[in-house]
Every structure is written in C-alpha cells, then in structure tokens.
Amino acid sequence: MSSQTSAPLVEMRDIRVSFGGVHAVDGVSLNLFPGEVVALVGGNGAGKSTLIRTLSGAHPADAGEILINGQRAHIGNPRDAKTYGIETIYQTLALADNVDAAANVFLGRELLTRFGSLNDAAMESATRKVMGRLNPRFRNFKAPVKSLSGGQRQSVAIARAVHFNAKILIMDEPTAALGPAETAQVRDLIVQLKAEGLGIFLISHDIHDVFDLADRISVMLQGRLVGTVQKADVTKDEVLGMIILGKQPGEADAGSLAQALH
C-alpha cells in the first residue's frame, strides 16, 4: 500500500479541457502517491481518457496545473511527459510486431556500438535484466513479439516503460482482451510495480479489475469528478452508483441503481 505520509508523485489541480463548447474535463483534481494504484473509471464520454491525456502530454490542458513531486510540471507533449518519468501503456501496446522483445524495449532509443551499429547484445542483456525483475517466467527473448501471448506482450510494454525509469505509469485497459491466466499475469506485474514504488493510473471499464488492483477509485461523469474513494471502504454497487448516477456512496438506493442498470 502507498504511504500517504509522503508527498504525492502527481497532483492534478483543477484541470480543464474543452473541445469547442464542450467541457470534456471540467475542473478535475486528482493525486497519486508512490506505490499506489488509482483507478479512473466512468462511462464512455466521462472524460477519463481526456484527463489522462493531459498528463501523458497527448493533449495539454486548457487550464489548471500538474505538479510532479511537488514541483510544477510543464507537459506540452509526450516527450516532456517522459522527462518527468511518466510512461503510458495504451491498450494497443504500440509494439513492433516483427521484432523481438529487446528491439521493442529499445524502440526509438536503440543502443549503438562504438562503430555505430546496433548493440543487440547490450539491448538483450538489459531486457533480460528488467524482465527478470518483472516477469521471471518470460523466456521468449528471441521470438518476434507477434508470436507472444497477450500477457507476454503486456510484459514487454511494461519492461520498456520501467527500463527508462518510469515513476508514473498510465495503463489504459491493461487486461482488455486477455484470458484469465494472462489477466492474472498482468495483475502480478502491477503488484510488482507497486512494490517498486511506482504510481499507477489505471483506466478501466472492468469493475472486477478495478477492485482487484486499485487502492483508490476516482469516478468521472460528464467531465466532472464525482469523487475519489478508498476501495476498501466501498462496494461494487456503490461504485456503480457513482459511475451511472453520479451519487456518493450511501446516496444511491438499490432500487434506483437497479433501474439504471436495466
């Protein structure tokens, strides 16, 4: 669990993003501590992806501020985000299918020998080292990643982020389209990353995933933050009430929730 006596890794304060006249994100504040998973949930169009895109540098906010380790951060593009130790793992994973794990870990940041050729041995060695820490069962270092299972592909994407010193990881639907065994593998990876002190924002539609992985849950509806709750203090139905009705835990009666669900 996170030690919330420490300063937050990330503070997002009063973030606002508009598209035309539509307030996609309307004054949202969130924080994230080391060794913590904060799940960001909400229906389609709730604004969660837009909010996270401001942190990843994909879409700078119109207003508000982001602090990293208590210092104001200026994140205008994804490269800026990386300099603050922010890495994003999208649902599509953005892997190069026809090359192996090491080539993917170093994609765009290749190591060269002093003669200017690719230093494949150094890249494979570094990849084996980081993978040994993250997923010791990973063995397929020579295979093109298109031949790997979904859980192994997720391992490669996470290894890439961690090797380049990510402190803050944004994971977009990390277990979508994975079977039960692979989902368990990704959960193990997330537990390992927490133990190493990373902070993780988890965007997910899967309430079971959220309850398995998150320490806190932040719910958005129509661009606003409904609230942030400790997972241990709420039921799945209460979170559904926040997502669907915008009600705080204890406010939504079972009848109105049942009605909204059907």
Protein backbone atom coordinates (compact mmCIF):
# COMPACT_ATOMS: atom_id res chain seq x y z
CA MET A 1 0.00 0.00 0.00
CA SER A 2 1.06 3.57 -0.53
CA SER A 3 2.47 5.59 2.31
CA GLN A 4 0.43 8.73 2.07
CA THR A 5 2.68 10.47 4.54
CA SER A 6 4.97 11.06 1.55
CA ALA A 7 4.32 13.80 -0.98
CA PRO A 8 2.16 12.85 -3.95
CA LEU A 9 4.02 11.75 -7.07
CA VAL A 10 1.35 13.54 -9.12
CA GLU A 11 -1.11 16.30 -8.31
CA MET A 12 -3.55 17.39 -10.98
CA ARG A 13 -5.28 20.58 -9.87
CA ASP A 14 -8.45 21.98 -11.40
CA ILE A 15 -7.74 20.55 -14.86
CA ARG A 16 -9.99 21.86 -17.64
CA VAL A 17 -10.15 20.74 -21.27
CA SER A 18 -12.74 21.92 -23.79
CA PHE A 19 -13.44 20.83 -27.35
CA GLY A 20 -15.43 23.59 -28.98
CA GLY A 21 -18.06 24.48 -26.40
CA VAL A 22 -17.98 21.07 -24.71
CA HIS A 23 -16.25 20.79 -21.32
CA ALA A 24 -14.63 17.36 -21.71
CA VAL A 25 -12.84 17.83 -18.37
CA ASP A 26 -14.37 20.37 -16.04
CA GLY A 27 -12.24 21.34 -13.05
CA VAL A 28 -10.91 17.91 -12.01
CA SER A 29 -8.33 17.44 -9.23
CA LEU A 30 -6.62 14.11 -8.54
CA ASN A 31 -3.45 12.89 -6.89
CA LEU A 32 -1.33 9.74 -6.93
CA PHE A 33 1.16 8.50 -4.33
CA PRO A 34 4.20 6.22 -4.72
CA GLY A 35 3.31 2.53 -4.64
CA GLU A 36 -0.36 3.20 -5.28
CA VAL A 37 -2.86 2.29 -7.99
CA VAL A 38 -5.60 4.84 -8.61
CA ALA A 39 -8.30 3.54 -10.94
CA LEU A 40 -10.02 6.11 -13.10
CA VAL A 41 -13.47 4.93 -14.08
CA GLY A 42 -16.58 6.27 -15.77
CA GLY A 43 -18.81 5.60 -18.75
CA ASN A 44 -17.94 6.49 -22.33
CA GLY A 45 -17.53 10.25 -22.66
CA ALA A 46 -16.96 10.71 -18.91
CA GLY A 47 -13.66 12.48 -19.64
CA LYS A 48 -11.24 9.99 -18.07
CA SER A 49 -9.15 9.42 -21.20
CA THR A 50 -9.02 13.17 -21.94
CA LEU A 51 -7.89 13.87 -18.36
CA ILE A 52 -5.11 11.29 -18.58
CA ARG A 53 -4.04 12.60 -21.99
CA THR A 54 -3.17 15.90 -20.29
CA LEU A 55 -0.74 14.01 -18.02
CA SER A 56 0.75 11.94 -20.88
CA GLY A 57 1.32 15.08 -22.97
CA ALA A 58 -1.03 13.94 -25.74
CA HIS A 59 -3.45 16.83 -25.16
CA PRO A 60 -2.31 19.73 -22.93
CA ALA A 61 -4.94 21.14 -20.56
CA ASP A 62 -6.59 24.50 -21.25
CA ALA A 63 -6.38 25.40 -17.55
CA GLY A 64 -5.20 24.00 -14.25
CA GLU A 65 -1.78 22.74 -13.22
CA ILE A 66 0.11 19.49 -12.82
CA LEU A 67 2.68 19.00 -10.07
CA ILE A 68 5.21 16.15 -10.12
CA ASN A 69 6.88 15.51 -6.75
CA GLY A 70 5.52 18.84 -5.56
CA GLN A 71 7.04 20.84 -8.44
CA ARG A 72 5.01 22.49 -11.17
CA ALA A 73 5.41 20.44 -14.37
CA HIS A 74 5.24 21.77 -17.92
CA ILE A 75 3.93 18.96 -20.11
CA GLY A 76 3.32 20.10 -23.67
CA ASN A 77 3.94 16.81 -25.48
CA PRO A 78 4.71 13.12 -24.78
CA ARG A 79 8.46 13.77 -24.76
CA ASP A 80 8.00 16.28 -21.91
CA ALA A 81 5.99 13.66 -20.01
CA LYS A 82 8.82 11.12 -20.35
CA THR A 83 11.31 13.58 -18.85
CA TYR A 84 9.13 13.58 -15.72
CA GLY A 85 9.16 9.77 -15.60
CA ILE A 86 5.63 9.43 -16.99
CA GLU A 87 5.12 6.49 -19.37
CA THR A 88 1.85 5.43 -20.98
CA ILE A 89 0.89 1.90 -21.94
CA TYR A 90 -2.02 2.12 -24.34
CA GLN A 91 -4.49 -0.69 -24.93
CA THR A 92 -2.93 -1.19 -28.38
CA LEU A 93 0.53 -1.50 -26.68
CA ALA A 94 2.28 0.17 -29.69
CA LEU A 95 4.68 -2.74 -30.15
CA ALA A 96 6.57 -3.51 -33.36
CA ASP A 97 5.23 -6.98 -34.14
CA ASN A 98 8.03 -8.24 -36.39
CA VAL A 99 10.94 -7.77 -33.97
CA ASP A 100 11.84 -9.32 -30.61
CA ALA A 101 11.38 -8.14 -27.02
CA ALA A 102 14.72 -6.29 -26.78
CA ALA A 103 14.13 -4.40 -30.05
CA ASN A 104 10.76 -3.31 -28.64
CA VAL A 105 12.12 -2.26 -25.26
CA PHE A 106 14.66 0.00 -27.03
CA LEU A 107 12.38 1.07 -29.90
CA GLY A 108 13.38 4.62 -30.84
CA ARG A 109 16.07 4.61 -28.11
CA GLU A 110 18.40 1.95 -29.54
CA LEU A 111 21.85 1.30 -28.07
CA LEU A 112 24.72 1.51 -30.55
CA THR A 113 28.22 0.08 -30.52
CA ARG A 114 31.15 2.48 -30.85
CA PHE A 115 31.14 1.64 -34.55
CA GLY A 116 27.59 2.94 -34.91
CA SER A 117 25.88 -0.41 -35.44
CA LEU A 118 23.04 -1.72 -33.24
CA ASN A 119 24.34 -3.20 -30.00
CA ASP A 120 21.98 -6.17 -29.92
CA ALA A 121 23.88 -7.94 -27.12
CA ALA A 122 23.66 -4.95 -24.77
CA MET A 123 19.95 -4.45 -25.54
CA GLU A 124 19.15 -8.13 -24.97
CA SER A 125 21.15 -8.18 -21.73
CA ALA A 126 19.34 -5.09 -20.38
CA THR A 127 15.97 -6.55 -21.43
CA ARG A 128 16.73 -9.86 -19.68
CA LYS A 129 17.66 -7.93 -16.55
CA VAL A 130 14.48 -5.84 -16.40
CA MET A 131 12.31 -8.82 -17.35
CA GLY A 132 13.96 -10.92 -14.64
CA ARG A 133 12.72 -8.38 -12.15
CA LEU A 134 9.23 -8.03 -13.62
CA ASN A 135 8.29 -11.40 -15.06
CA PRO A 136 10.87 -14.10 -14.29
CA ARG A 137 8.82 -16.67 -16.26
CA PHE A 138 9.38 -14.77 -19.50
CA ARG A 139 11.59 -16.86 -21.79
CA ASN A 140 10.84 -15.86 -25.40
CA PHE A 141 13.57 -13.28 -25.88
CA LYS A 142 14.35 -14.19 -29.48
CA ALA A 143 10.80 -14.51 -30.83
CA PRO A 144 9.07 -11.69 -32.72
CA VAL A 145 6.52 -10.18 -30.33
CA LYS A 146 3.62 -11.01 -32.67
CA SER A 147 4.11 -14.67 -31.64
CA LEU A 148 3.78 -13.85 -27.91
CA SER A 149 0.64 -14.18 -25.81
CA GLY A 150 -1.24 -11.06 -24.75
CA GLY A 151 0.16 -11.23 -21.21
CA GLN A 152 3.72 -11.56 -22.51
CA ARG A 153 3.19 -8.63 -24.88
CA GLN A 154 1.97 -6.57 -21.94
CA SER A 155 5.16 -7.58 -20.09
CA VAL A 156 7.28 -6.24 -22.96
CA ALA A 157 5.41 -2.91 -22.98
CA ILE A 158 5.82 -2.58 -19.20
CA ALA A 159 9.51 -3.56 -19.38
CA ARG A 160 10.06 -0.76 -21.88
CA ALA A 161 8.49 1.80 -19.53
CA VAL A 162 10.32 0.55 -16.44
CA HIS A 163 13.72 0.30 -18.11
CA PHE A 164 13.51 4.00 -18.94
CA ASN A 165 12.88 4.84 -15.29
CA ALA A 166 9.15 5.38 -15.30
CA LYS A 167 7.95 6.57 -11.90
CA ILE A 168 4.38 7.17 -13.04
CA LEU A 169 2.65 4.63 -15.25
CA ILE A 170 -0.60 5.22 -17.10
CA MET A 171 -2.24 1.93 -18.05
CA ASP A 172 -5.19 2.05 -20.42
CA GLU A 173 -7.40 -1.07 -20.12
CA PRO A 174 -4.40 -3.33 -19.40
CA THR A 175 -6.39 -6.57 -19.26
CA ALA A 176 -8.84 -5.93 -22.12
CA ALA A 177 -8.99 -8.95 -24.45
CA LEU A 178 -6.83 -11.11 -22.17
CA GLY A 179 -7.87 -14.53 -20.87
CA PRO A 180 -7.96 -15.32 -17.12
CA ALA A 181 -4.39 -16.68 -16.89
CA GLU A 182 -2.95 -13.69 -18.77
CA THR A 183 -5.03 -11.27 -16.72
CA ALA A 184 -3.51 -12.84 -13.59
CA GLN A 185 -0.04 -12.34 -15.13
CA VAL A 186 -0.69 -8.62 -15.66
CA ARG A 187 -2.04 -8.32 -12.13
CA ASP A 188 1.21 -9.86 -10.84
CA LEU A 189 3.17 -7.29 -12.85
CA ILE A 190 1.16 -4.44 -11.33
CA VAL A 191 1.76 -5.79 -7.81
CA GLN A 192 5.49 -5.91 -8.59
CA LEU A 193 5.49 -2.32 -9.90
CA LYS A 194 3.71 -1.10 -6.76
CA ALA A 195 6.31 -2.85 -4.61
CA GLU A 196 8.98 -0.90 -6.51
CA GLY A 197 7.26 2.36 -5.59
CA LEU A 198 5.74 3.27 -8.95
CA GLY A 199 2.43 5.09 -9.00
CA ILE A 200 -0.10 3.77 -11.49
CA PHE A 201 -3.16 5.39 -13.01
CA LEU A 202 -5.36 2.55 -14.24
CA ILE A 203 -8.09 3.35 -16.76
CA SER A 204 -10.57 0.50 -16.86
CA HIS A 205 -14.14 -0.40 -17.71
CA ASP A 206 -13.85 -3.64 -15.77
CA ILE A 207 -15.13 -3.17 -12.24
CA HIS A 208 -13.63 -6.54 -11.21
CA ASP A 209 -10.19 -5.42 -12.40
CA VAL A 210 -10.62 -2.19 -10.52
CA PHE A 211 -11.48 -3.98 -7.28
CA ASP A 212 -8.61 -6.43 -7.71
CA LEU A 213 -5.94 -3.83 -8.44
CA ALA A 214 -6.81 -0.35 -7.19
CA ASP A 215 -6.11 1.24 -3.82
CA ARG A 216 -8.34 4.21 -4.60
CA ILE A 217 -11.03 4.71 -7.23
CA SER A 218 -11.77 8.06 -8.89
CA VAL A 219 -15.07 8.27 -10.73
CA MET A 220 -15.86 10.73 -13.52
CA LEU A 221 -19.21 11.58 -15.06
CA GLN A 222 -19.76 14.12 -17.84
CA GLY A 223 -16.34 15.71 -17.42
CA ARG A 224 -16.54 16.17 -13.67
CA LEU A 225 -15.11 14.21 -10.77
CA VAL A 226 -17.93 12.51 -8.85
CA GLY A 227 -15.45 11.58 -6.13
CA THR A 228 -12.43 9.55 -5.08
CA VAL A 229 -12.91 6.70 -2.62
CA GLN A 230 -10.76 4.14 -0.86
CA LYS A 231 -11.54 0.77 -2.45
CA ALA A 232 -11.67 -0.87 0.97
CA ASP A 233 -14.49 1.47 2.03
CA VAL A 234 -16.94 0.85 -0.83
CA THR A 235 -18.90 -1.93 -2.53
CA LYS A 236 -19.02 -2.53 -6.27
CA ASP A 237 -22.65 -1.38 -6.26
CA GLU A 238 -21.67 1.91 -4.60
CA VAL A 239 -19.04 2.50 -7.28
CA LEU A 240 -21.61 1.66 -9.98
CA GLY A 241 -23.92 4.21 -8.36
CA MET A 242 -21.15 6.81 -8.70
CA ILE A 243 -20.46 5.85 -12.34
CA ILE A 244 -24.08 5.68 -13.52
CA LEU A 245 -25.98 8.08 -11.24
CA GLY A 246 -23.20 10.39 -10.02
CA LYS A 247 -24.21 9.58 -6.43
CA GLN A 248 -21.85 9.36 -3.48
CA PRO A 249 -21.55 6.02 -1.64
CA GLY A 250 -24.64 5.53 0.51
CA GLU A 251 -26.70 8.00 -1.52
CA ALA A 252 -28.00 5.69 -4.25
CA ASP A 253 -30.74 3.33 -3.11
CA ALA A 254 -30.80 -0.19 -4.54
CA GLY A 255 -34.00 0.49 -6.48
CA SER A 256 -32.68 3.48 -8.44
CA LEU A 257 -29.42 1.64 -9.19
CA ALA A 258 -31.28 -1.46 -10.38
CA GLN A 259 -33.45 0.76 -12.58
CA ALA A 260 -30.38 2.48 -14.10
CA LEU A 261 -28.71 -0.86 -14.77
CA HIS A 262 -31.69 -2.28 -16.71
